[in-house]
Amino acid sequence: MKVPDRLVNCVAFIARDSSVPRFLGSAFIVALKGSLGNAYLHLVTAKHVADALHLGAYVLGMNGKSGKKIFVKCTPEHAKWWYHPTDPESVDVAVTLFGSEDIDQFDFEWIPEEMFATEKRIEEYSIGLGDEVVVSGLFTRFSGRTKNFPIVRSGNIAMMPTEPIPTKTGTMEAYLVEGRSIGGLSGSAVFVRNSVSLAPIKNSKGGYDIFSGLGHIHFLGLMHGHWDLPVGVLTEQAEAVNMGVSIVVPAKKILEVLYHPELVELRAKRDVELKKENLPSADVVMYHD
């Protein structure tokens, strides 16, 4: 399927703050609704990517409306990351506040909460094994000189276990996706299209055929990385298998971080401040510093 532009435009490349940024992984923007018609923007990536930023300062590679790439720098004092409130070691998710005085110059999209594939949404749309998955993020071998070019890779849901799976960072709740993963895709947004059955169509033999198609797009989760084989297995065949199954952190686990008590308190406090300012709700779109 052709991937809608909005799924690609939510991508940002993330790097340590240096004179020549060397991107480590991918990130994406999520918006949560405030109480006044406003939107709170958050940057989301994998926890292991955020941890690799060392002192907290980082640079985002994004595209501007001018068609050229933009580097957004975040200093250590404004670079706090929030992790899972009760299980930070087993949930590979990091969230920080997102905003800039120049945000009107950015050419980007955000993922709304309504798009998250929660357990309720998964049941409602019968999302499951075999459904088509796409992931957009960083290709470390080429990201672009004058413009950032995300790469899009595809696959399908291979497993949705109801118990934690073992990974090199410990056991975690995750989905397995048949689709190759590379280092730069860590922290990328993963999307899925549910399958739909069309009305039966009468065939030439007098019977009926059932045709299936692609339905809505849902935010499935965050790319953690690929499935590792045991250390010491170094054949070409092993490498192919190693790159063939990816681990995805479920959207519900990302929501649990986005609703960290401290973040909830920050958003509620800002809502109160906006209400005191008597701003028209239709004009209120809050971006954090």
Protein backbone atom coordinates (compact mmCIF):
# COMPACT_ATOMS: atom_id res chain seq x y z
CA MET A 1 0.00 0.00 0.00
CA LYS A 2 1.05 3.60 -0.47
CA VAL A 3 1.93 5.19 2.85
CA PRO A 4 0.08 8.48 3.55
CA ASP A 5 2.38 11.49 3.88
CA ARG A 6 1.18 12.20 7.42
CA LEU A 7 2.68 8.90 8.63
CA VAL A 8 6.07 9.96 7.31
CA ASN A 9 5.87 13.57 8.50
CA CYS A 10 5.58 12.60 12.17
CA VAL A 11 9.19 11.33 12.11
CA ALA A 12 12.14 13.15 13.64
CA PHE A 13 15.77 12.03 13.75
CA ILE A 14 17.51 12.31 17.11
CA ALA A 15 21.20 12.83 17.94
CA ARG A 16 23.55 14.01 20.66
CA ASP A 17 24.11 17.75 20.70
CA SER A 18 27.35 18.24 18.73
CA SER A 19 28.67 20.47 15.96
CA VAL A 20 27.95 17.75 13.40
CA PRO A 21 24.95 15.73 14.61
CA ARG A 22 25.25 11.99 14.18
CA PHE A 23 21.78 10.57 14.38
CA LEU A 24 21.27 7.69 16.82
CA GLY A 25 17.67 6.78 16.21
CA SER A 26 14.16 7.97 15.46
CA ALA A 27 11.44 9.78 17.37
CA PHE A 28 7.90 10.97 16.70
CA ILE A 29 5.42 13.55 17.96
CA VAL A 30 2.25 12.70 19.90
CA ALA A 31 -0.52 15.17 20.78
CA LEU A 32 -2.78 14.90 23.82
CA LYS A 33 -5.86 17.09 24.15
CA GLY A 34 -6.06 19.74 26.83
CA SER A 35 -9.31 20.85 28.43
CA LEU A 36 -9.59 24.07 26.38
CA GLY A 37 -9.36 22.74 22.86
CA ASN A 38 -5.57 22.95 23.03
CA ALA A 39 -2.98 20.31 22.19
CA TYR A 40 0.02 19.27 24.25
CA LEU A 41 2.86 17.97 22.12
CA HIS A 42 5.28 15.31 23.29
CA LEU A 43 8.37 13.80 21.71
CA VAL A 44 8.51 10.02 22.02
CA THR A 45 11.44 7.69 21.41
CA ALA A 46 12.88 4.47 22.77
CA LYS A 47 14.32 4.65 26.28
CA HIS A 48 17.59 3.13 25.12
CA VAL A 49 17.92 5.93 22.55
CA ALA A 50 17.23 8.62 25.17
CA ASP A 51 19.75 6.99 27.53
CA ALA A 52 22.40 7.18 24.80
CA LEU A 53 22.08 10.97 24.74
CA HIS A 54 24.16 11.09 27.94
CA LEU A 55 23.68 14.47 29.67
CA GLY A 56 20.22 15.00 28.20
CA ALA A 57 21.05 17.56 25.52
CA TYR A 58 19.92 16.45 22.10
CA VAL A 59 19.32 17.62 18.55
CA LEU A 60 16.30 16.81 16.42
CA GLY A 61 16.51 16.65 12.67
CA MET A 62 13.22 17.78 11.15
CA ASN A 63 12.08 19.31 7.88
CA GLY A 64 10.94 22.88 7.45
CA LYS A 65 8.11 24.21 5.32
CA SER A 66 10.83 25.76 3.17
CA GLY A 67 11.82 22.27 2.06
CA LYS A 68 15.13 22.38 3.94
CA LYS A 69 16.12 20.43 7.05
CA ILE A 70 15.97 22.10 10.46
CA PHE A 71 18.00 21.22 13.54
CA VAL A 72 16.16 21.72 16.83
CA LYS A 73 18.49 21.87 19.82
CA CYS A 74 17.43 21.11 23.36
CA THR A 75 19.70 22.07 26.25
CA PRO A 76 20.19 19.86 29.33
CA GLU A 77 18.00 22.03 31.57
CA HIS A 78 15.07 21.55 29.17
CA ALA A 79 15.71 17.93 28.30
CA LYS A 80 14.03 15.94 31.04
CA TRP A 81 12.80 12.53 29.94
CA TRP A 82 9.94 10.66 31.55
CA TYR A 83 9.91 6.87 31.64
CA HIS A 84 7.28 4.35 32.66
CA PRO A 85 6.01 5.32 36.13
CA THR A 86 6.07 1.79 37.61
CA ASP A 87 8.19 -0.37 35.31
CA PRO A 88 10.87 1.81 33.64
CA GLU A 89 13.34 -1.03 33.03
CA SER A 90 10.89 -3.20 31.09
CA VAL A 91 9.17 -0.53 28.99
CA ASP A 92 11.49 0.86 26.32
CA VAL A 93 9.76 4.24 26.04
CA ALA A 94 10.95 7.78 26.78
CA VAL A 95 8.81 10.92 26.58
CA THR A 96 9.76 14.59 26.79
CA LEU A 97 7.94 17.86 26.21
CA PHE A 98 8.12 19.25 22.70
CA GLY A 99 8.05 22.86 21.60
CA SER A 100 9.93 25.68 19.97
CA GLU A 101 9.44 29.36 19.24
CA ASP A 102 9.94 28.49 15.55
CA ILE A 103 7.45 25.64 15.50
CA ASP A 104 5.36 27.32 12.77
CA GLN A 105 8.29 26.76 10.43
CA PHE A 106 8.28 22.98 10.90
CA ASP A 107 6.67 20.68 8.36
CA PHE A 108 5.45 17.90 10.61
CA GLU A 109 2.42 15.93 11.75
CA TRP A 110 1.58 14.52 15.14
CA ILE A 111 -0.11 11.29 16.17
CA PRO A 112 -3.36 11.88 18.08
CA GLU A 113 -4.29 9.73 21.05
CA GLU A 114 -7.42 8.58 19.19
CA MET A 115 -5.19 6.70 16.75
CA PHE A 116 -3.57 4.50 19.43
CA ALA A 117 -4.24 0.79 19.11
CA THR A 118 -5.44 0.21 22.67
CA GLU A 119 -6.84 -3.17 23.68
CA LYS A 120 -10.35 -1.82 23.05
CA ARG A 121 -9.44 -0.58 19.56
CA ILE A 122 -7.65 -3.83 18.72
CA GLU A 123 -10.79 -5.78 19.61
CA GLU A 124 -13.12 -3.33 17.82
CA TYR A 125 -11.17 -3.52 14.54
CA SER A 126 -10.08 -7.16 14.92
CA ILE A 127 -6.41 -6.21 14.55
CA GLY A 128 -4.29 -9.32 14.59
CA LEU A 129 -1.86 -11.72 12.99
CA GLY A 130 -1.07 -11.01 9.37
CA ASP A 131 -2.30 -7.42 9.35
CA GLU A 132 -0.01 -5.13 7.37
CA VAL A 133 2.48 -2.99 9.30
CA VAL A 134 4.59 0.00 8.23
CA VAL A 135 7.35 1.78 10.12
CA SER A 136 8.93 5.09 9.15
CA GLY A 137 12.19 6.29 10.62
CA LEU A 138 15.90 6.89 10.19
CA PHE A 139 18.10 5.09 7.67
CA THR A 140 21.55 5.63 9.14
CA ARG A 141 23.35 5.04 5.83
CA PHE A 142 21.58 8.02 4.25
CA SER A 143 19.38 10.61 5.93
CA GLY A 144 19.78 13.43 3.41
CA ARG A 145 22.07 16.43 3.05
CA THR A 146 19.64 19.33 2.55
CA LYS A 147 16.46 17.54 3.62
CA ASN A 148 15.68 14.68 5.98
CA PHE A 149 14.43 11.60 4.16
CA PRO A 150 12.73 9.00 6.38
CA ILE A 151 12.76 5.42 5.19
CA VAL A 152 9.57 3.33 5.22
CA ARG A 153 9.68 -0.41 5.79
CA SER A 154 6.78 -2.81 5.83
CA GLY A 155 5.81 -6.19 7.18
CA ASN A 156 3.01 -7.83 9.10
CA ILE A 157 2.07 -8.72 12.66
CA ALA A 158 3.66 -12.08 13.42
CA MET A 159 2.77 -12.53 17.09
CA MET A 160 0.76 -10.73 19.76
CA PRO A 161 1.65 -12.71 22.89
CA THR A 162 -0.33 -12.27 26.08
CA GLU A 163 2.76 -12.68 28.24
CA PRO A 164 6.14 -10.88 28.33
CA ILE A 165 8.84 -11.99 25.91
CA PRO A 166 12.61 -12.20 26.58
CA THR A 167 14.84 -9.56 24.96
CA LYS A 168 18.45 -8.50 25.44
CA THR A 169 17.24 -5.76 27.82
CA GLY A 170 15.00 -8.11 29.83
CA THR A 171 11.44 -9.35 29.50
CA MET A 172 8.85 -6.93 28.15
CA GLU A 173 5.33 -6.74 26.82
CA ALA A 174 5.70 -6.57 23.07
CA TYR A 175 4.39 -7.51 19.66
CA LEU A 176 6.52 -9.31 17.11
CA VAL A 177 6.49 -8.04 13.55
CA GLU A 178 7.73 -9.85 10.46
CA GLY A 179 9.77 -7.04 8.99
CA ARG A 180 13.42 -6.11 9.06
CA SER A 181 14.71 -3.64 11.64
CA ILE A 182 17.90 -1.60 11.55
CA GLY A 183 19.58 0.47 14.25
CA GLY A 184 18.22 3.83 13.12
CA LEU A 185 14.64 2.60 13.32
CA SER A 186 14.81 2.32 17.12
CA GLY A 187 12.20 4.71 18.49
CA SER A 188 10.20 4.84 15.25
CA ALA A 189 6.42 4.90 15.11
CA VAL A 190 4.83 1.66 13.91
CA PHE A 191 1.44 1.70 12.18
CA VAL A 192 -0.96 -1.07 11.21
CA ARG A 193 -3.94 -1.37 8.87
CA ASN A 194 -6.70 -3.71 9.96
CA SER A 195 -8.12 -6.13 7.41
CA VAL A 196 -11.74 -5.82 6.30
CA SER A 197 -14.02 -8.27 4.49
CA LEU A 198 -16.12 -6.88 1.67
CA ALA A 199 -19.64 -7.96 0.85
CA PRO A 200 -19.82 -11.39 -0.88
CA ILE A 201 -19.70 -11.20 -4.67
CA LYS A 202 -21.44 -13.79 -6.82
CA ASN A 203 -19.03 -15.72 -9.01
CA SER A 204 -19.51 -17.42 -12.41
CA LYS A 205 -20.30 -20.75 -10.76
CA GLY A 206 -23.26 -19.39 -8.86
CA GLY A 207 -21.44 -19.30 -5.55
CA TYR A 208 -20.04 -16.37 -3.63
CA ASP A 209 -16.49 -15.16 -3.11
CA ILE A 210 -15.31 -13.15 -0.12
CA PHE A 211 -12.78 -10.41 -0.82
CA SER A 212 -10.64 -8.74 1.80
CA GLY A 213 -9.11 -5.28 1.83
CA LEU A 214 -7.28 -2.78 3.99
CA GLY A 215 -9.10 -0.76 6.61
CA HIS A 216 -8.16 2.11 8.90
CA ILE A 217 -4.64 3.06 9.96
CA HIS A 218 -3.84 2.64 13.66
CA PHE A 219 -0.78 3.49 15.72
CA LEU A 220 0.48 0.08 16.83
CA GLY A 221 3.47 1.11 18.91
CA LEU A 222 7.17 1.95 19.02
CA MET A 223 10.03 0.07 17.36
CA HIS A 224 12.31 -1.39 20.03
CA GLY A 225 14.63 -3.29 17.70
CA HIS A 226 15.15 -6.69 16.15
CA TRP A 227 15.00 -10.10 17.72
CA ASP A 228 18.47 -11.27 18.72
CA LEU A 229 19.76 -14.79 18.32
CA PRO A 230 22.13 -16.26 20.94
CA VAL A 231 25.63 -14.79 21.03
CA GLY A 232 28.06 -16.79 18.90
CA VAL A 233 25.69 -17.50 16.02
CA LEU A 234 27.41 -15.64 13.19
CA THR A 235 26.38 -17.26 9.92
CA GLU A 236 24.78 -15.33 7.06
CA GLN A 237 21.61 -17.33 7.58
CA ALA A 238 21.55 -16.33 11.26
CA GLU A 239 21.98 -12.67 10.32
CA ALA A 240 19.01 -12.88 7.98
CA VAL A 241 16.84 -14.37 10.73
CA ASN A 242 18.19 -11.81 13.19
CA MET A 243 16.98 -9.00 10.93
CA GLY A 244 13.67 -10.65 10.13
CA VAL A 245 11.63 -10.29 13.33
CA SER A 246 11.20 -6.93 15.02
CA ILE A 247 10.04 -6.12 18.54
CA VAL A 248 7.37 -3.44 18.96
CA VAL A 249 6.38 -1.81 22.26
CA PRO A 250 2.54 -1.71 22.33
CA ALA A 251 0.77 1.64 22.07
CA LYS A 252 -0.90 1.08 25.44
CA LYS A 253 2.52 1.07 27.16
CA ILE A 254 3.35 4.42 25.52
CA LEU A 255 0.07 5.84 26.83
CA GLU A 256 1.06 4.74 30.33
CA VAL A 257 4.19 6.88 30.02
CA LEU A 258 2.33 9.82 28.47
CA TYR A 259 0.00 9.67 31.47
CA HIS A 260 2.85 9.65 33.96
CA PRO A 261 1.53 11.46 37.08
CA GLU A 262 4.08 14.25 36.67
CA LEU A 263 3.08 14.86 33.04
CA VAL A 264 -0.61 14.81 33.96
CA GLU A 265 0.07 17.40 36.65
CA LEU A 266 2.04 19.61 34.25
CA ARG A 267 -0.77 19.57 31.67
CA ALA A 268 -3.44 20.26 34.29
CA LYS A 269 -1.43 23.16 35.70
CA ARG A 270 -0.99 24.68 32.26
CA ASP A 271 -4.71 24.30 31.53
CA VAL A 272 -5.44 26.36 34.65
CA GLU A 273 -2.98 29.04 33.53
CA LEU A 274 -4.54 29.20 30.06
CA LYS A 275 -8.03 29.48 31.54
CA LYS A 276 -6.92 32.43 33.67
CA GLU A 277 -5.59 34.14 30.55
CA ASN A 278 -9.10 33.94 29.02
CA LEU A 279 -7.79 32.82 25.63
CA PRO A 280 -10.43 31.71 23.10
CA SER A 281 -10.40 27.93 23.17
CA ALA A 282 -10.29 27.68 19.37
CA ASP A 283 -7.01 29.62 19.35
CA VAL A 284 -5.34 27.76 22.16
CA VAL A 285 -2.61 25.40 21.06
CA MET A 286 -0.04 25.02 23.80
CA TYR A 287 3.54 24.14 22.98
CA HIS A 288 5.96 23.57 25.81
CA ASP A 289 9.31 25.33 26.02
